[in-house]
N, C-alpha and C. Protein backbone atom coordinates (compact mmCIF):
# COMPACT_ATOMS: atom_id res chain seq x y z
N UNK A 1 8.03 -6.94 -15.88
CA UNK A 1 7.35 -8.03 -15.24
C UNK A 1 5.85 -7.88 -15.50
N UNK A 2 5.25 -8.95 -15.91
CA UNK A 2 3.81 -8.92 -16.17
C UNK A 2 3.13 -9.97 -15.32
N UNK A 3 1.91 -9.67 -14.98
CA UNK A 3 1.09 -10.58 -14.20
C UNK A 3 -0.08 -11.06 -15.04
N UNK A 4 -0.59 -12.23 -14.70
CA UNK A 4 -1.77 -12.78 -15.36
C UNK A 4 -2.91 -12.79 -14.35
N UNK A 5 -4.12 -12.90 -14.85
CA UNK A 5 -5.28 -13.03 -13.98
C UNK A 5 -5.08 -14.28 -13.12
N UNK A 6 -5.31 -14.13 -11.83
CA UNK A 6 -5.14 -15.23 -10.88
C UNK A 6 -3.81 -15.19 -10.14
N UNK A 7 -2.83 -14.44 -10.64
CA UNK A 7 -1.53 -14.33 -9.96
C UNK A 7 -1.69 -13.58 -8.65
N UNK A 8 -0.81 -13.93 -7.70
CA UNK A 8 -0.72 -13.18 -6.45
C UNK A 8 0.36 -12.13 -6.62
N UNK A 9 0.11 -10.95 -6.08
CA UNK A 9 1.07 -9.86 -6.17
C UNK A 9 1.03 -9.08 -4.86
N UNK A 10 2.16 -8.47 -4.52
CA UNK A 10 2.25 -7.66 -3.31
C UNK A 10 2.22 -6.19 -3.72
N UNK A 11 1.28 -5.46 -3.13
CA UNK A 11 1.17 -4.03 -3.38
C UNK A 11 1.67 -3.32 -2.13
N UNK A 12 2.75 -2.54 -2.24
CA UNK A 12 3.41 -1.95 -1.07
C UNK A 12 2.46 -1.23 -0.12
N UNK A 13 2.63 -1.54 1.15
CA UNK A 13 1.83 -0.90 2.19
C UNK A 13 0.46 -1.50 2.39
N UNK A 14 0.00 -2.29 1.44
CA UNK A 14 -1.34 -2.88 1.53
C UNK A 14 -1.32 -4.39 1.66
N UNK A 15 -0.28 -5.02 1.14
CA UNK A 15 -0.15 -6.45 1.27
C UNK A 15 -0.42 -7.22 -0.01
N UNK A 16 -0.74 -8.49 0.19
CA UNK A 16 -0.90 -9.42 -0.92
C UNK A 16 -2.31 -9.32 -1.50
N UNK A 17 -2.37 -9.36 -2.82
CA UNK A 17 -3.65 -9.36 -3.51
C UNK A 17 -3.62 -10.30 -4.69
N UNK A 18 -4.78 -10.59 -5.21
CA UNK A 18 -4.91 -11.46 -6.37
C UNK A 18 -5.32 -10.60 -7.57
N UNK A 19 -4.65 -10.81 -8.69
CA UNK A 19 -5.02 -10.11 -9.93
C UNK A 19 -6.35 -10.72 -10.39
N UNK A 20 -7.42 -9.93 -10.34
CA UNK A 20 -8.73 -10.46 -10.71
C UNK A 20 -9.08 -10.15 -12.16
N UNK A 21 -8.46 -9.11 -12.71
CA UNK A 21 -8.69 -8.81 -14.12
C UNK A 21 -7.63 -7.83 -14.61
N UNK A 22 -7.53 -7.79 -15.92
CA UNK A 22 -6.68 -6.78 -16.56
C UNK A 22 -7.62 -6.00 -17.47
N UNK A 23 -7.89 -4.77 -17.06
CA UNK A 23 -8.90 -3.95 -17.73
C UNK A 23 -8.26 -2.87 -18.58
N UNK A 24 -8.98 -2.48 -19.58
CA UNK A 24 -8.55 -1.37 -20.42
C UNK A 24 -9.55 -0.25 -20.27
N UNK A 25 -9.06 0.96 -20.02
CA UNK A 25 -9.92 2.12 -19.87
C UNK A 25 -9.37 3.24 -20.74
N UNK A 26 -10.27 4.08 -21.20
CA UNK A 26 -9.83 5.25 -21.94
C UNK A 26 -9.77 6.43 -20.99
N UNK A 27 -8.59 7.03 -20.91
CA UNK A 27 -8.39 8.17 -20.03
C UNK A 27 -7.81 9.31 -20.87
N UNK A 28 -8.56 10.38 -20.95
CA UNK A 28 -8.16 11.56 -21.73
C UNK A 28 -7.77 11.19 -23.16
N UNK A 29 -8.54 10.31 -23.76
CA UNK A 29 -8.34 9.94 -25.15
C UNK A 29 -7.31 8.85 -25.38
N UNK A 30 -6.64 8.41 -24.33
CA UNK A 30 -5.64 7.34 -24.49
C UNK A 30 -6.13 6.08 -23.79
N UNK A 31 -5.87 4.95 -24.40
CA UNK A 31 -6.26 3.67 -23.81
C UNK A 31 -5.17 3.23 -22.83
N UNK A 32 -5.59 2.90 -21.62
CA UNK A 32 -4.66 2.46 -20.57
C UNK A 32 -5.11 1.11 -20.02
N UNK A 33 -4.14 0.23 -19.77
CA UNK A 33 -4.44 -1.05 -19.15
C UNK A 33 -4.12 -0.99 -17.66
N UNK A 34 -4.98 -1.65 -16.87
CA UNK A 34 -4.82 -1.66 -15.42
C UNK A 34 -4.91 -3.09 -14.90
N UNK A 35 -4.09 -3.39 -13.89
CA UNK A 35 -4.30 -4.61 -13.12
C UNK A 35 -5.35 -4.27 -12.08
N UNK A 36 -6.39 -5.05 -12.01
CA UNK A 36 -7.38 -4.91 -10.97
C UNK A 36 -7.05 -5.96 -9.92
N UNK A 37 -6.72 -5.49 -8.72
CA UNK A 37 -6.20 -6.36 -7.66
C UNK A 37 -7.15 -6.34 -6.48
N UNK A 38 -7.55 -7.53 -6.03
CA UNK A 38 -8.34 -7.64 -4.81
C UNK A 38 -7.39 -8.02 -3.69
N UNK A 39 -7.26 -7.14 -2.70
CA UNK A 39 -6.36 -7.40 -1.58
C UNK A 39 -6.95 -8.49 -0.70
N UNK A 40 -6.14 -9.47 -0.34
CA UNK A 40 -6.63 -10.63 0.40
C UNK A 40 -7.08 -10.27 1.81
N UNK A 41 -6.38 -9.35 2.45
CA UNK A 41 -6.67 -9.02 3.83
C UNK A 41 -7.95 -8.22 3.98
N UNK A 42 -8.18 -7.26 3.11
CA UNK A 42 -9.31 -6.34 3.28
C UNK A 42 -10.39 -6.48 2.21
N UNK A 43 -10.17 -7.29 1.20
CA UNK A 43 -11.06 -7.43 0.04
C UNK A 43 -11.25 -6.11 -0.70
N UNK A 44 -10.39 -5.14 -0.42
CA UNK A 44 -10.42 -3.87 -1.13
C UNK A 44 -9.86 -4.09 -2.54
N UNK A 45 -10.39 -3.36 -3.51
CA UNK A 45 -9.89 -3.45 -4.88
C UNK A 45 -9.06 -2.23 -5.20
N UNK A 46 -7.92 -2.47 -5.83
CA UNK A 46 -7.08 -1.37 -6.29
C UNK A 46 -6.76 -1.60 -7.77
N UNK A 47 -6.57 -0.52 -8.48
CA UNK A 47 -6.19 -0.60 -9.89
C UNK A 47 -4.81 0.01 -10.03
N UNK A 48 -3.94 -0.73 -10.70
CA UNK A 48 -2.57 -0.28 -10.91
C UNK A 48 -2.30 -0.31 -12.41
N UNK A 49 -1.89 0.82 -12.98
CA UNK A 49 -1.57 0.82 -14.42
C UNK A 49 -0.46 -0.20 -14.72
N UNK A 50 -0.66 -1.00 -15.77
CA UNK A 50 0.33 -2.02 -16.11
C UNK A 50 1.67 -1.40 -16.46
N UNK A 51 1.64 -0.20 -17.02
CA UNK A 51 2.89 0.44 -17.44
C UNK A 51 3.71 0.97 -16.26
N UNK A 52 3.06 1.19 -15.13
CA UNK A 52 3.81 1.69 -13.98
C UNK A 52 3.74 0.74 -12.79
N UNK A 53 3.44 -0.52 -13.06
CA UNK A 53 3.33 -1.50 -11.98
C UNK A 53 4.66 -1.64 -11.23
N UNK A 54 5.75 -1.76 -11.97
CA UNK A 54 7.06 -1.91 -11.34
C UNK A 54 7.42 -0.66 -10.54
N UNK A 55 7.16 0.50 -11.12
CA UNK A 55 7.47 1.77 -10.47
C UNK A 55 6.68 1.92 -9.17
N UNK A 56 5.45 1.43 -9.14
CA UNK A 56 4.63 1.53 -7.94
C UNK A 56 5.00 0.48 -6.90
N UNK A 57 5.90 -0.44 -7.25
CA UNK A 57 6.37 -1.43 -6.29
C UNK A 57 5.63 -2.76 -6.35
N UNK A 58 4.70 -2.91 -7.28
CA UNK A 58 3.97 -4.17 -7.40
C UNK A 58 4.96 -5.27 -7.74
N UNK A 59 4.91 -6.35 -6.99
CA UNK A 59 5.87 -7.44 -7.19
C UNK A 59 5.23 -8.78 -6.85
N UNK A 60 5.84 -9.87 -7.33
CA UNK A 60 5.31 -11.19 -6.98
C UNK A 60 5.60 -11.54 -5.52
N UNK A 61 4.88 -12.50 -5.00
CA UNK A 61 5.11 -13.00 -3.65
C UNK A 61 6.49 -13.67 -3.63
N UNK A 62 7.18 -13.56 -2.50
CA UNK A 62 8.51 -14.16 -2.38
C UNK A 62 8.44 -15.67 -2.50
N UNK A 63 9.61 -16.28 -2.77
CA UNK A 63 9.67 -17.74 -2.85
C UNK A 63 10.19 -18.32 -1.53
N UNK A 64 10.33 -19.64 -1.49
CA UNK A 64 10.74 -20.35 -0.27
C UNK A 64 12.12 -19.90 0.21
N UNK A 65 13.07 -19.72 -0.70
CA UNK A 65 14.42 -19.29 -0.32
C UNK A 65 14.38 -17.90 0.31
N UNK A 66 13.62 -17.01 -0.30
CA UNK A 66 13.52 -15.65 0.23
C UNK A 66 12.82 -15.65 1.59
N UNK A 67 11.89 -16.57 1.80
CA UNK A 67 11.22 -16.69 3.10
C UNK A 67 12.24 -17.07 4.17
N UNK A 68 13.20 -17.93 3.81
CA UNK A 68 14.28 -18.28 4.74
C UNK A 68 15.14 -17.08 5.10
N UNK A 69 15.39 -16.22 4.12
CA UNK A 69 16.17 -14.99 4.37
C UNK A 69 15.41 -14.06 5.31
N UNK A 70 14.10 -13.99 5.14
CA UNK A 70 13.28 -13.15 6.01
C UNK A 70 13.37 -13.66 7.45
N UNK A 71 13.28 -14.96 7.63
CA UNK A 71 13.38 -15.53 8.97
C UNK A 71 14.76 -15.25 9.57
N UNK A 72 15.80 -15.27 8.76
CA UNK A 72 17.14 -14.94 9.24
C UNK A 72 17.22 -13.49 9.71
N UNK A 73 16.59 -12.60 8.98
CA UNK A 73 16.56 -11.19 9.39
C UNK A 73 15.87 -11.06 10.74
N UNK A 74 14.77 -11.76 10.91
CA UNK A 74 14.03 -11.69 12.17
C UNK A 74 14.85 -12.24 13.33
N UNK A 75 15.65 -13.26 13.07
CA UNK A 75 16.45 -13.91 14.12
C UNK A 75 17.71 -13.12 14.48
N UNK A 76 18.11 -12.19 13.64
CA UNK A 76 19.32 -11.41 13.87
C UNK A 76 19.11 -10.54 15.11
N UNK A 77 19.87 -10.83 16.17
CA UNK A 77 19.70 -10.09 17.42
C UNK A 77 20.73 -8.99 17.60
N UNK A 78 21.43 -8.64 16.55
CA UNK A 78 22.41 -7.57 16.63
C UNK A 78 21.71 -6.30 17.09
N UNK A 79 22.17 -5.74 18.21
CA UNK A 79 21.50 -4.52 18.67
C UNK A 79 21.64 -3.38 17.67
N UNK A 80 20.57 -2.66 17.52
CA UNK A 80 20.57 -1.53 16.59
C UNK A 80 20.73 -0.27 17.44
N UNK A 81 21.93 0.27 17.41
CA UNK A 81 22.26 1.40 18.29
C UNK A 81 21.53 2.68 17.93
N UNK A 82 21.35 2.95 16.64
CA UNK A 82 20.78 4.23 16.25
C UNK A 82 19.33 4.40 16.66
N UNK A 83 18.59 3.32 16.87
CA UNK A 83 17.18 3.48 17.23
C UNK A 83 17.00 4.02 18.63
N UNK A 84 17.97 3.76 19.53
CA UNK A 84 17.86 4.25 20.89
C UNK A 84 17.99 5.77 20.95
N UNK A 85 18.72 6.36 20.02
CA UNK A 85 19.01 7.78 20.07
C UNK A 85 17.99 8.63 19.33
N UNK A 86 17.04 8.02 18.65
CA UNK A 86 16.08 8.78 17.86
C UNK A 86 14.78 8.98 18.63
N UNK A 87 14.11 10.07 18.32
CA UNK A 87 12.79 10.28 18.91
C UNK A 87 11.81 9.34 18.22
N UNK A 88 10.69 9.07 18.88
CA UNK A 88 9.74 8.09 18.34
C UNK A 88 9.22 8.53 16.98
N UNK A 89 9.00 9.85 16.77
CA UNK A 89 8.43 10.27 15.50
C UNK A 89 9.44 10.17 14.35
N UNK A 90 10.71 10.33 14.63
CA UNK A 90 11.73 10.14 13.60
C UNK A 90 11.82 8.66 13.22
N UNK A 91 11.80 7.79 14.24
CA UNK A 91 11.80 6.34 13.98
C UNK A 91 10.56 5.98 13.17
N UNK A 92 9.40 6.52 13.55
CA UNK A 92 8.15 6.22 12.87
C UNK A 92 8.24 6.56 11.39
N UNK A 93 8.75 7.74 11.07
CA UNK A 93 8.88 8.15 9.66
C UNK A 93 9.83 7.22 8.91
N UNK A 94 10.95 6.89 9.55
CA UNK A 94 11.93 6.01 8.92
C UNK A 94 11.33 4.63 8.65
N UNK A 95 10.63 4.09 9.63
CA UNK A 95 10.02 2.77 9.49
C UNK A 95 8.90 2.79 8.46
N UNK A 96 8.12 3.86 8.43
CA UNK A 96 7.03 3.96 7.46
C UNK A 96 7.59 3.99 6.04
N UNK A 97 8.70 4.69 5.86
CA UNK A 97 9.35 4.71 4.54
C UNK A 97 9.76 3.31 4.13
N UNK A 98 10.27 2.53 5.08
CA UNK A 98 10.67 1.15 4.77
C UNK A 98 9.47 0.29 4.40
N UNK A 99 8.38 0.44 5.12
CA UNK A 99 7.17 -0.34 4.84
C UNK A 99 6.62 0.02 3.47
N UNK A 100 6.66 1.30 3.13
CA UNK A 100 6.13 1.75 1.84
C UNK A 100 6.93 1.24 0.65
N UNK A 101 8.18 0.80 0.88
CA UNK A 101 8.96 0.26 -0.24
C UNK A 101 8.34 -1.04 -0.74
N UNK A 102 7.64 -1.75 0.15
CA UNK A 102 7.05 -3.02 -0.22
C UNK A 102 8.02 -4.18 -0.11
N UNK A 103 9.27 -3.91 0.22
CA UNK A 103 10.27 -4.97 0.36
C UNK A 103 10.00 -5.77 1.63
N UNK A 104 9.83 -7.06 1.48
CA UNK A 104 9.58 -7.92 2.63
C UNK A 104 10.77 -7.91 3.58
N UNK A 105 11.95 -7.70 3.04
CA UNK A 105 13.16 -7.67 3.86
C UNK A 105 13.19 -6.40 4.72
N UNK A 106 12.77 -5.28 4.15
CA UNK A 106 12.69 -4.02 4.91
C UNK A 106 11.62 -4.13 5.99
N UNK A 107 10.50 -4.75 5.66
CA UNK A 107 9.42 -4.93 6.62
C UNK A 107 9.88 -5.82 7.77
N UNK A 108 10.65 -6.85 7.46
CA UNK A 108 11.19 -7.74 8.50
C UNK A 108 12.14 -6.96 9.42
N UNK A 109 12.94 -6.06 8.84
CA UNK A 109 13.84 -5.24 9.66
C UNK A 109 13.04 -4.34 10.60
N UNK A 110 11.98 -3.73 10.09
CA UNK A 110 11.13 -2.87 10.92
C UNK A 110 10.55 -3.67 12.07
N UNK A 111 10.03 -4.84 11.76
CA UNK A 111 9.41 -5.66 12.80
C UNK A 111 10.45 -6.07 13.85
N UNK A 112 11.61 -6.51 13.41
CA UNK A 112 12.68 -6.92 14.34
C UNK A 112 13.09 -5.75 15.23
N UNK A 113 13.32 -4.58 14.63
CA UNK A 113 13.77 -3.43 15.40
C UNK A 113 12.72 -2.99 16.42
N UNK A 114 11.46 -3.01 16.03
CA UNK A 114 10.41 -2.63 16.97
C UNK A 114 10.29 -3.63 18.11
N UNK A 115 10.44 -4.92 17.81
CA UNK A 115 10.41 -5.92 18.87
C UNK A 115 11.59 -5.73 19.82
N UNK A 116 12.79 -5.48 19.27
CA UNK A 116 13.96 -5.26 20.11
C UNK A 116 13.80 -3.98 20.94
N UNK A 117 13.24 -2.96 20.34
CA UNK A 117 13.04 -1.70 21.03
C UNK A 117 12.05 -1.83 22.17
N UNK A 118 11.02 -2.62 21.97
CA UNK A 118 9.99 -2.73 23.00
C UNK A 118 10.48 -3.46 24.24
N UNK A 119 11.62 -4.15 24.13
CA UNK A 119 12.23 -4.78 25.30
C UNK A 119 12.78 -3.70 26.24
N UNK A 120 13.33 -2.62 25.66
CA UNK A 120 13.96 -1.57 26.45
C UNK A 120 13.02 -0.44 26.85
N UNK A 121 12.07 -0.12 26.00
CA UNK A 121 11.18 1.01 26.28
C UNK A 121 9.81 0.75 25.70
N UNK A 122 8.84 1.47 26.24
CA UNK A 122 7.47 1.31 25.74
C UNK A 122 7.35 1.98 24.37
N UNK A 123 6.70 1.28 23.46
CA UNK A 123 6.49 1.83 22.12
C UNK A 123 5.36 2.85 22.16
N UNK A 124 5.47 3.86 21.30
CA UNK A 124 4.38 4.83 21.17
C UNK A 124 3.19 4.14 20.51
N UNK A 125 2.04 4.78 20.54
CA UNK A 125 0.85 4.22 19.90
C UNK A 125 1.12 3.96 18.42
N UNK A 126 1.74 4.93 17.74
CA UNK A 126 2.04 4.79 16.32
C UNK A 126 2.99 3.63 16.05
N UNK A 127 3.98 3.45 16.92
CA UNK A 127 4.92 2.34 16.74
C UNK A 127 4.24 0.99 16.97
N UNK A 128 3.35 0.92 17.95
CA UNK A 128 2.61 -0.34 18.19
C UNK A 128 1.74 -0.68 16.99
N UNK A 129 1.08 0.34 16.43
CA UNK A 129 0.24 0.13 15.25
C UNK A 129 1.10 -0.30 14.06
N UNK A 130 2.27 0.31 13.93
CA UNK A 130 3.18 -0.04 12.85
C UNK A 130 3.68 -1.48 13.01
N UNK A 131 3.96 -1.88 14.24
CA UNK A 131 4.39 -3.25 14.51
C UNK A 131 3.30 -4.23 14.08
N UNK A 132 2.05 -3.91 14.39
CA UNK A 132 0.94 -4.76 13.97
C UNK A 132 0.83 -4.82 12.45
N UNK A 133 1.02 -3.68 11.79
CA UNK A 133 0.97 -3.63 10.33
C UNK A 133 2.07 -4.49 9.73
N UNK A 134 3.29 -4.30 10.23
CA UNK A 134 4.44 -5.06 9.72
C UNK A 134 4.22 -6.55 9.94
N UNK A 135 3.72 -6.92 11.12
CA UNK A 135 3.46 -8.32 11.43
C UNK A 135 2.44 -8.91 10.46
N UNK A 136 1.36 -8.18 10.22
CA UNK A 136 0.32 -8.67 9.32
C UNK A 136 0.83 -8.86 7.90
N UNK A 137 1.57 -7.87 7.38
CA UNK A 137 2.11 -7.97 6.02
C UNK A 137 3.08 -9.15 5.92
N UNK A 138 3.91 -9.29 6.92
CA UNK A 138 4.94 -10.34 6.92
C UNK A 138 4.32 -11.73 7.03
N UNK A 139 3.41 -11.91 7.95
CA UNK A 139 2.79 -13.22 8.18
C UNK A 139 2.05 -13.69 6.93
N UNK A 140 1.28 -12.81 6.31
CA UNK A 140 0.50 -13.18 5.13
C UNK A 140 1.43 -13.66 4.01
N UNK A 141 2.47 -12.88 3.74
CA UNK A 141 3.35 -13.25 2.64
C UNK A 141 4.18 -14.49 2.95
N UNK A 142 4.66 -14.61 4.19
CA UNK A 142 5.41 -15.82 4.56
C UNK A 142 4.54 -17.07 4.46
N UNK A 143 3.28 -16.96 4.86
CA UNK A 143 2.40 -18.13 4.79
C UNK A 143 2.18 -18.56 3.34
N UNK A 144 2.05 -17.59 2.44
CA UNK A 144 1.88 -17.92 1.03
C UNK A 144 3.17 -18.48 0.42
N UNK A 145 4.30 -17.93 0.83
CA UNK A 145 5.60 -18.37 0.29
C UNK A 145 5.96 -19.78 0.73
N UNK A 146 5.53 -20.14 1.93
CA UNK A 146 5.91 -21.44 2.48
C UNK A 146 4.77 -22.46 2.43
N UNK A 147 3.64 -22.07 1.87
CA UNK A 147 2.45 -22.93 1.82
C UNK A 147 2.05 -23.43 3.20
N UNK A 148 2.15 -22.54 4.18
CA UNK A 148 1.76 -22.87 5.55
C UNK A 148 0.59 -21.98 5.94
N UNK A 149 -0.18 -22.43 6.93
CA UNK A 149 -1.28 -21.58 7.37
C UNK A 149 -0.72 -20.43 8.21
N UNK A 150 -1.45 -19.32 8.23
CA UNK A 150 -0.98 -18.11 8.89
C UNK A 150 -0.74 -18.31 10.37
N UNK A 151 -1.55 -19.14 11.01
CA UNK A 151 -1.39 -19.38 12.44
C UNK A 151 -0.04 -20.03 12.76
N UNK A 152 0.37 -21.01 11.96
CA UNK A 152 1.65 -21.66 12.23
C UNK A 152 2.82 -20.72 11.94
N UNK A 153 2.69 -19.88 10.93
CA UNK A 153 3.75 -18.90 10.64
C UNK A 153 3.82 -17.89 11.79
N UNK A 154 2.67 -17.47 12.27
CA UNK A 154 2.67 -16.52 13.39
C UNK A 154 3.32 -17.14 14.63
N UNK A 155 3.07 -18.41 14.87
CA UNK A 155 3.70 -19.10 16.00
C UNK A 155 5.22 -19.15 15.83
N UNK A 156 5.69 -19.40 14.60
CA UNK A 156 7.14 -19.42 14.34
C UNK A 156 7.75 -18.05 14.60
N UNK A 157 7.07 -17.01 14.17
CA UNK A 157 7.57 -15.65 14.38
C UNK A 157 7.57 -15.30 15.87
N UNK A 158 6.50 -15.66 16.57
CA UNK A 158 6.44 -15.41 18.02
C UNK A 158 7.57 -16.13 18.74
N UNK A 159 7.87 -17.35 18.30
CA UNK A 159 8.95 -18.13 18.94
C UNK A 159 10.30 -17.43 18.81
N UNK A 160 10.50 -16.72 17.72
CA UNK A 160 11.76 -16.00 17.52
C UNK A 160 11.92 -14.91 18.56
N UNK A 161 10.84 -14.23 18.91
CA UNK A 161 10.93 -13.08 19.79
C UNK A 161 10.64 -13.39 21.25
N UNK A 162 10.35 -14.63 21.58
CA UNK A 162 10.12 -15.01 22.98
C UNK A 162 11.33 -15.65 23.58
């Protein structure tokens, strides 16, 4: 998979960014190409080697159909039994691994499980922060996939959990 300048791409754990350039640099005598990505949320720039973009999890923004699947995951109220039996730090590690995959579907599962968990027990500080991270990553990508503003997408997501 290749990206062009101007394309939107999702960089796992950081969110959506725009490819601002494709640069070539010489590293230890070898010429390497990099995607230079400006992250939309933080305006931070990251460089990802074009040869390992897929391996690093760089992917295009989801489409409208996939956005519908994400909403279905969020609406799934099937109780998750295993989360009740785990300590907060074990859950935290498991959820962080899911977020780091960059899969919007995994991020939706994390967000749903944390929302369901917070109904029964108070979330730890780390879990609350993770919920905010998952929400931010999800809202940004859903808004781009559905051509809707972030506020209306956030309202739709809030409606699911209220």
